[in-house]
Amino acid sequence: MSDLGDWFRSIPLITRYWFAGSIAVPLVGKLGLVSPVNLFLWPDAFIHRFQIWRPITATFFFPVGPGTGFLYLVNLYFLYQYSSRLETGAFDGRPADYMFMLLFNWICIVLLMIPLIMSVLYVWAQLNRDMIVSFWFGTRFKACYLPWVILGFNYIIGGSYRWLPNRRGGVSGFGVPPASMRRAAEDQQGGGRHNWGQGFRLGDQ
């Protein structure tokens, strides 16, 4: 346990609090201590109901579940890795400058968790654009391409499950709308069948 504590204390100050908040807020929502509905960014509630905490909690909140857990852990790793490098590298000894950069990015990217992490990664990649970095499966490329690789990676692991058939539907699930949409369409069309009439058999008058 002391090793974990020593590792946590070794994280640069701003990254440490950001990392801790990105674990604590989703955990609070996952355990049901606070409803996740009260944690994400909802402009109407923020503006008209004066729920001023939403921009802050939305920065740390991530809807962790069976389909999103891996994406969440990967982005936590990116946060720890590249925010630490930036804070101890280009912004070493200048915590106020780093905090101002995060605040500026936070406002520009609509106050969300993954875009803020991506913005830090992008800044680090531009400051080290000629550095050769390694990615999964042994791929190596210049750091200036890293944000675009990770953007595609996030899209694949975060969005691909929406386009794949479920286990029950099998291959026939491709291109089939959800059951709720099918029911709504059938209601509008009178049970989903067109009234073609009864027709006549050959020989009938």
C-alpha atoms as a PDB file:
ATOM      1  CA  MET A   1       0.000   0.000   0.000  1.00  0.00           C
ATOM      2  CA  SER A   2       2.901   2.339   0.764  1.00  0.00           C
ATOM      3  CA  ASP A   3       4.259   1.750  -2.737  1.00  0.00           C
ATOM      4  CA  LEU A   4       0.953   2.887  -4.209  1.00  0.00           C
ATOM      5  CA  GLY A   5       0.976   5.955  -1.971  1.00  0.00           C
ATOM      6  CA  ASP A   6       4.545   6.796  -2.943  1.00  0.00           C
ATOM      7  CA  TRP A   7       3.671   6.450  -6.620  1.00  0.00           C
ATOM      8  CA  PHE A   8       0.619   8.697  -6.234  1.00  0.00           C
ATOM      9  CA  ARG A   9       2.617  11.362  -4.401  1.00  0.00           C
ATOM     10  CA  SER A  10       5.259  11.252  -7.122  1.00  0.00           C
ATOM     11  CA  ILE A  11       2.741  12.430  -9.730  1.00  0.00           C
ATOM     12  CA  PRO A  12       3.112  16.172 -10.482  1.00  0.00           C
ATOM     13  CA  LEU A  13       0.701  18.281  -8.452  1.00  0.00           C
ATOM     14  CA  ILE A  14      -1.820  19.406 -11.092  1.00  0.00           C
ATOM     15  CA  THR A  15      -1.827  16.039 -12.855  1.00  0.00           C
ATOM     16  CA  ARG A  16      -2.263  14.311  -9.485  1.00  0.00           C
ATOM     17  CA  TYR A  17      -5.475  16.187  -8.648  1.00  0.00           C
ATOM     18  CA  TRP A  18      -6.798  15.825 -12.183  1.00  0.00           C
ATOM     19  CA  PHE A  19      -6.062  12.092 -12.158  1.00  0.00           C
ATOM     20  CA  ALA A  20      -7.637  11.640  -8.706  1.00  0.00           C
ATOM     21  CA  GLY A  21     -10.761  13.566  -9.711  1.00  0.00           C
ATOM     22  CA  SER A  22     -11.096  11.491 -12.890  1.00  0.00           C
ATOM     23  CA  ILE A  23     -11.243   8.375 -10.707  1.00  0.00           C
ATOM     24  CA  ALA A  24     -13.316   9.718  -7.803  1.00  0.00           C
ATOM     25  CA  VAL A  25     -16.161  11.356  -9.752  1.00  0.00           C
ATOM     26  CA  PRO A  26     -16.943   8.355 -12.025  1.00  0.00           C
ATOM     27  CA  LEU A  27     -16.678   6.075  -8.982  1.00  0.00           C
ATOM     28  CA  VAL A  28     -19.203   8.183  -7.055  1.00  0.00           C
ATOM     29  CA  GLY A  29     -21.600   7.946  -9.991  1.00  0.00           C
ATOM     30  CA  LYS A  30     -20.986   4.228 -10.489  1.00  0.00           C
ATOM     31  CA  LEU A  31     -21.660   3.423  -6.816  1.00  0.00           C
ATOM     32  CA  GLY A  32     -24.860   5.442  -6.890  1.00  0.00           C
ATOM     33  CA  LEU A  33     -23.749   7.861  -4.161  1.00  0.00           C
ATOM     34  CA  VAL A  34     -24.720  10.646  -6.566  1.00  0.00           C
ATOM     35  CA  SER A  35     -26.910  10.106  -9.595  1.00  0.00           C
ATOM     36  CA  PRO A  36     -24.889  10.319 -12.834  1.00  0.00           C
ATOM     37  CA  VAL A  37     -27.653  12.561 -14.178  1.00  0.00           C
ATOM     38  CA  ASN A  38     -26.363  15.246 -11.803  1.00  0.00           C
ATOM     39  CA  LEU A  39     -22.769  14.920 -12.991  1.00  0.00           C
ATOM     40  CA  PHE A  40     -22.781  15.365 -16.758  1.00  0.00           C
ATOM     41  CA  LEU A  41     -23.011  18.690 -18.568  1.00  0.00           C
ATOM     42  CA  TRP A  42     -26.613  19.722 -19.173  1.00  0.00           C
ATOM     43  CA  PRO A  43     -26.753  23.343 -20.414  1.00  0.00           C
ATOM     44  CA  ASP A  44     -30.408  23.865 -19.502  1.00  0.00           C
ATOM     45  CA  ALA A  45     -29.827  22.813 -15.891  1.00  0.00           C
ATOM     46  CA  PHE A  46     -26.644  24.886 -15.686  1.00  0.00           C
ATOM     47  CA  ILE A  47     -28.174  28.079 -17.100  1.00  0.00           C
ATOM     48  CA  HIS A  48     -31.779  28.002 -15.916  1.00  0.00           C
ATOM     49  CA  ARG A  49     -31.549  25.937 -12.715  1.00  0.00           C
ATOM     50  CA  PHE A  50     -28.240  27.393 -11.512  1.00  0.00           C
ATOM     51  CA  GLN A  51     -26.566  23.986 -11.152  1.00  0.00           C
ATOM     52  CA  ILE A  52     -23.133  25.582 -11.318  1.00  0.00           C
ATOM     53  CA  TRP A  53     -21.198  22.417 -10.473  1.00  0.00           C
ATOM     54  CA  ARG A  54     -21.942  20.700 -13.795  1.00  0.00           C
ATOM     55  CA  PRO A  55     -19.033  22.162 -15.845  1.00  0.00           C
ATOM     56  CA  ILE A  56     -16.628  20.923 -13.146  1.00  0.00           C
ATOM     57  CA  THR A  57     -18.069  17.430 -12.694  1.00  0.00           C
ATOM     58  CA  ALA A  58     -18.426  16.972 -16.466  1.00  0.00           C
ATOM     59  CA  THR A  59     -14.662  17.447 -16.780  1.00  0.00           C
ATOM     60  CA  PHE A  60     -14.028  14.477 -14.496  1.00  0.00           C
ATOM     61  CA  PHE A  61     -17.088  12.306 -15.141  1.00  0.00           C
ATOM     62  CA  PHE A  62     -17.070   9.323 -17.486  1.00  0.00           C
ATOM     63  CA  PRO A  63     -19.953   6.834 -17.787  1.00  0.00           C
ATOM     64  CA  VAL A  64     -18.060   3.691 -16.830  1.00  0.00           C
ATOM     65  CA  GLY A  65     -19.781   0.462 -17.818  1.00  0.00           C
ATOM     66  CA  PRO A  66     -19.163  -2.898 -19.518  1.00  0.00           C
ATOM     67  CA  GLY A  67     -18.931  -1.245 -22.930  1.00  0.00           C
ATOM     68  CA  THR A  68     -16.858   1.776 -21.901  1.00  0.00           C
ATOM     69  CA  GLY A  69     -14.547   0.518 -19.129  1.00  0.00           C
ATOM     70  CA  PHE A  70     -11.598  -0.200 -21.412  1.00  0.00           C
ATOM     71  CA  LEU A  71     -11.882   3.200 -23.119  1.00  0.00           C
ATOM     72  CA  TYR A  72     -11.960   4.849 -19.690  1.00  0.00           C
ATOM     73  CA  LEU A  73      -8.816   3.055 -18.489  1.00  0.00           C
ATOM     74  CA  VAL A  74      -6.935   3.854 -21.695  1.00  0.00           C
ATOM     75  CA  ASN A  75      -7.736   7.550 -21.386  1.00  0.00           C
ATOM     76  CA  LEU A  76      -6.735   7.532 -17.713  1.00  0.00           C
ATOM     77  CA  TYR A  77      -3.362   6.197 -18.859  1.00  0.00           C
ATOM     78  CA  PHE A  78      -3.076   8.939 -21.474  1.00  0.00           C
ATOM     79  CA  LEU A  79      -3.945  11.553 -18.844  1.00  0.00           C
ATOM     80  CA  TYR A  80      -1.298  10.291 -16.429  1.00  0.00           C
ATOM     81  CA  GLN A  81       1.375   9.782 -19.060  1.00  0.00           C
ATOM     82  CA  TYR A  82       1.172  12.940 -21.145  1.00  0.00           C
ATOM     83  CA  SER A  83      -0.005  15.427 -18.541  1.00  0.00           C
ATOM     84  CA  SER A  84       2.876  14.341 -16.298  1.00  0.00           C
ATOM     85  CA  ARG A  85       5.359  14.722 -19.162  1.00  0.00           C
ATOM     86  CA  LEU A  86       4.036  18.153 -20.063  1.00  0.00           C
ATOM     87  CA  GLU A  87       3.937  19.387 -16.472  1.00  0.00           C
ATOM     88  CA  THR A  88       7.478  18.222 -15.727  1.00  0.00           C
ATOM     89  CA  GLY A  89       8.827  19.139 -19.180  1.00  0.00           C
ATOM     90  CA  ALA A  90       7.742  22.272 -21.009  1.00  0.00           C
ATOM     91  CA  PHE A  91       5.950  23.641 -17.926  1.00  0.00           C
ATOM     92  CA  ASP A  92       8.499  22.559 -15.325  1.00  0.00           C
ATOM     93  CA  GLY A  93       8.569  25.146 -12.528  1.00  0.00           C
ATOM     94  CA  ARG A  94       5.618  27.010 -14.101  1.00  0.00           C
ATOM     95  CA  PRO A  95       2.468  25.470 -12.586  1.00  0.00           C
ATOM     96  CA  ALA A  96       0.459  28.672 -13.087  1.00  0.00           C
ATOM     97  CA  ASP A  97       1.195  28.606 -16.833  1.00  0.00           C
ATOM     98  CA  TYR A  98       0.181  24.964 -17.061  1.00  0.00           C
ATOM     99  CA  MET A  99      -3.009  25.655 -15.118  1.00  0.00           C
ATOM    100  CA  PHE A 100      -3.813  28.570 -17.432  1.00  0.00           C
ATOM    101  CA  MET A 101      -3.310  26.355 -20.484  1.00  0.00           C
ATOM    102  CA  LEU A 102      -5.645  23.710 -19.039  1.00  0.00           C
ATOM    103  CA  LEU A 103      -8.234  26.353 -18.201  1.00  0.00           C
ATOM    104  CA  PHE A 104      -8.054  27.794 -21.722  1.00  0.00           C
ATOM    105  CA  ASN A 105      -8.401  24.332 -23.289  1.00  0.00           C
ATOM    106  CA  TRP A 106     -11.192  23.472 -20.844  1.00  0.00           C
ATOM    107  CA  ILE A 107     -13.255  26.452 -21.996  1.00  0.00           C
ATOM    108  CA  CYS A 108     -12.540  25.904 -25.699  1.00  0.00           C
ATOM    109  CA  ILE A 109     -13.435  22.214 -25.824  1.00  0.00           C
ATOM    110  CA  VAL A 110     -16.808  22.380 -24.076  1.00  0.00           C
ATOM    111  CA  LEU A 111     -15.644  21.166 -20.669  1.00  0.00           C
ATOM    112  CA  LEU A 112     -15.474  17.406 -21.337  1.00  0.00           C
ATOM    113  CA  MET A 113     -13.050  14.774 -20.074  1.00  0.00           C
ATOM    114  CA  ILE A 114     -11.662  13.042 -23.174  1.00  0.00           C
ATOM    115  CA  PRO A 115     -11.290  16.207 -25.311  1.00  0.00           C
ATOM    116  CA  LEU A 116      -9.322  17.848 -22.498  1.00  0.00           C
ATOM    117  CA  ILE A 117      -7.003  14.834 -22.288  1.00  0.00           C
ATOM    118  CA  MET A 118      -6.605  14.903 -26.067  1.00  0.00           C
ATOM    119  CA  SER A 119      -5.746  18.608 -25.976  1.00  0.00           C
ATOM    120  CA  VAL A 120      -2.908  17.966 -23.514  1.00  0.00           C
ATOM    121  CA  LEU A 121      -1.666  15.085 -25.637  1.00  0.00           C
ATOM    122  CA  TYR A 122      -1.788  17.325 -28.728  1.00  0.00           C
ATOM    123  CA  VAL A 123       0.270  20.065 -27.043  1.00  0.00           C
ATOM    124  CA  TRP A 124       2.875  17.523 -25.914  1.00  0.00           C
ATOM    125  CA  ALA A 125       3.030  15.997 -29.401  1.00  0.00           C
ATOM    126  CA  GLN A 126       3.558  19.394 -31.032  1.00  0.00           C
ATOM    127  CA  LEU A 127       6.338  20.301 -28.610  1.00  0.00           C
ATOM    128  CA  ASN A 128       8.028  16.946 -29.323  1.00  0.00           C
ATOM    129  CA  ARG A 129       6.886  16.495 -32.916  1.00  0.00           C
ATOM    130  CA  ASP A 130      10.088  14.863 -34.202  1.00  0.00           C
ATOM    131  CA  MET A 131      10.376  12.360 -31.353  1.00  0.00           C
ATOM    132  CA  ILE A 132       9.781   8.739 -32.382  1.00  0.00           C
ATOM    133  CA  VAL A 133       7.067   7.173 -30.224  1.00  0.00           C
ATOM    134  CA  SER A 134       5.898   3.582 -29.944  1.00  0.00           C
ATOM    135  CA  PHE A 135       2.269   2.568 -29.981  1.00  0.00           C
ATOM    136  CA  TRP A 136       0.521  -0.768 -29.691  1.00  0.00           C
ATOM    137  CA  PHE A 137       1.645  -3.770 -31.727  1.00  0.00           C
ATOM    138  CA  GLY A 138       5.135  -2.289 -32.110  1.00  0.00           C
ATOM    139  CA  THR A 139       4.130   0.548 -34.431  1.00  0.00           C
ATOM    140  CA  ARG A 140       6.528   3.495 -34.422  1.00  0.00           C
ATOM    141  CA  PHE A 141       6.005   6.983 -35.833  1.00  0.00           C
ATOM    142  CA  LYS A 142       6.720  10.637 -35.124  1.00  0.00           C
ATOM    143  CA  ALA A 143       4.997  12.206 -32.134  1.00  0.00           C
ATOM    144  CA  CYS A 144       3.250  14.776 -34.328  1.00  0.00           C
ATOM    145  CA  TYR A 145       1.014  11.963 -35.646  1.00  0.00           C
ATOM    146  CA  LEU A 146       0.193  10.554 -32.208  1.00  0.00           C
ATOM    147  CA  PRO A 147      -2.989  12.604 -31.536  1.00  0.00           C
ATOM    148  CA  TRP A 148      -4.527  11.450 -34.803  1.00  0.00           C
ATOM    149  CA  VAL A 149      -3.616   7.830 -34.138  1.00  0.00           C
ATOM    150  CA  ILE A 150      -5.147   8.008 -30.664  1.00  0.00           C
ATOM    151  CA  LEU A 151      -8.205   9.820 -31.994  1.00  0.00           C
ATOM    152  CA  GLY A 152      -8.793   6.925 -34.387  1.00  0.00           C
ATOM    153  CA  PHE A 153      -8.032   4.444 -31.617  1.00  0.00           C
ATOM    154  CA  ASN A 154     -10.603   6.090 -29.324  1.00  0.00           C
ATOM    155  CA  TYR A 155     -13.159   6.020 -32.116  1.00  0.00           C
ATOM    156  CA  ILE A 156     -12.583   2.317 -32.772  1.00  0.00           C
ATOM    157  CA  ILE A 157     -12.734   1.112 -29.172  1.00  0.00           C
ATOM    158  CA  GLY A 158     -15.375   3.626 -28.135  1.00  0.00           C
ATOM    159  CA  GLY A 159     -17.745   3.553 -31.077  1.00  0.00           C
ATOM    160  CA  SER A 160     -17.314   0.289 -32.941  1.00  0.00           C
ATOM    161  CA  TYR A 161     -19.598  -1.700 -30.634  1.00  0.00           C
ATOM    162  CA  ARG A 162     -22.527   0.425 -31.817  1.00  0.00           C
ATOM    163  CA  TRP A 163     -22.062  -0.841 -35.361  1.00  0.00           C
ATOM    164  CA  LEU A 164     -21.579  -4.516 -34.569  1.00  0.00           C
ATOM    165  CA  PRO A 165     -24.475  -6.970 -34.242  1.00  0.00           C
ATOM    166  CA  ASN A 166     -25.409  -8.189 -30.804  1.00  0.00           C
ATOM    167  CA  ARG A 167     -24.842 -11.779 -29.826  1.00  0.00           C
ATOM    168  CA  ARG A 168     -28.496 -12.730 -30.074  1.00  0.00           C
ATOM    169  CA  GLY A 169     -28.976 -11.172 -33.502  1.00  0.00           C
ATOM    170  CA  GLY A 170     -25.847 -12.734 -35.003  1.00  0.00           C
ATOM    171  CA  VAL A 171     -24.928 -11.672 -38.519  1.00  0.00           C
ATOM    172  CA  SER A 172     -28.539 -10.752 -39.263  1.00  0.00           C
ATOM    173  CA  GLY A 173     -28.157  -7.933 -36.736  1.00  0.00           C
ATOM    174  CA  PHE A 174     -26.193  -5.817 -39.244  1.00  0.00           C
ATOM    175  CA  GLY A 175     -28.314  -2.946 -40.505  1.00  0.00           C
ATOM    176  CA  VAL A 176     -31.358  -3.891 -38.411  1.00  0.00           C
ATOM    177  CA  PRO A 177     -32.725  -0.964 -36.366  1.00  0.00           C
ATOM    178  CA  PRO A 178     -33.287  -1.417 -32.629  1.00  0.00           C
ATOM    179  CA  ALA A 179     -36.528  -3.064 -31.553  1.00  0.00           C
ATOM    180  CA  SER A 180     -37.939   0.218 -30.215  1.00  0.00           C
ATOM    181  CA  MET A 181     -37.442   1.901 -33.589  1.00  0.00           C
ATOM    182  CA  ARG A 182     -38.972  -1.082 -35.381  1.00  0.00           C
ATOM    183  CA  ARG A 183     -42.060  -0.945 -33.160  1.00  0.00           C
ATOM    184  CA  ALA A 184     -42.461   2.796 -33.735  1.00  0.00           C
ATOM    185  CA  ALA A 185     -42.190   2.330 -37.490  1.00  0.00           C
ATOM    186  CA  GLU A 186     -44.734  -0.501 -37.426  1.00  0.00           C
ATOM    187  CA  ASP A 187     -47.182   1.626 -35.455  1.00  0.00           C
ATOM    188  CA  GLN A 188     -46.932   4.383 -38.020  1.00  0.00           C
ATOM    189  CA  GLN A 189     -47.429   1.967 -40.909  1.00  0.00           C
ATOM    190  CA  GLY A 190     -50.244  -0.040 -39.378  1.00  0.00           C
ATOM    191  CA  GLY A 191     -48.385  -3.039 -38.037  1.00  0.00           C
ATOM    192  CA  GLY A 192     -45.496  -2.841 -40.445  1.00  0.00           C
ATOM    193  CA  ARG A 193     -47.440  -4.378 -43.375  1.00  0.00           C
ATOM    194  CA  HIS A 194     -48.737  -2.549 -46.412  1.00  0.00           C
ATOM    195  CA  ASN A 195     -52.392  -3.054 -47.238  1.00  0.00           C
ATOM    196  CA  TRP A 196     -52.106  -4.541 -50.705  1.00  0.00           C
ATOM    197  CA  GLY A 197     -55.739  -5.675 -50.815  1.00  0.00           C
ATOM    198  CA  GLN A 198     -57.144  -9.176 -51.085  1.00  0.00           C
ATOM    199  CA  GLY A 199     -56.642  -9.703 -54.834  1.00  0.00           C
ATOM    200  CA  PHE A 200     -58.477 -12.262 -56.972  1.00  0.00           C
ATOM    201  CA  ARG A 201     -57.804 -15.847 -57.834  1.00  0.00           C
ATOM    202  CA  LEU A 202     -57.677 -16.846 -61.455  1.00  0.00           C
ATOM    203  CA  GLY A 203     -61.150 -17.718 -62.685  1.00  0.00           C
ATOM    204  CA  ASP A 204     -63.003 -15.622 -60.065  1.00  0.00           C
ATOM    205  CA  GLN A 205     -65.336 -12.866 -61.275  1.00  0.00           C
END
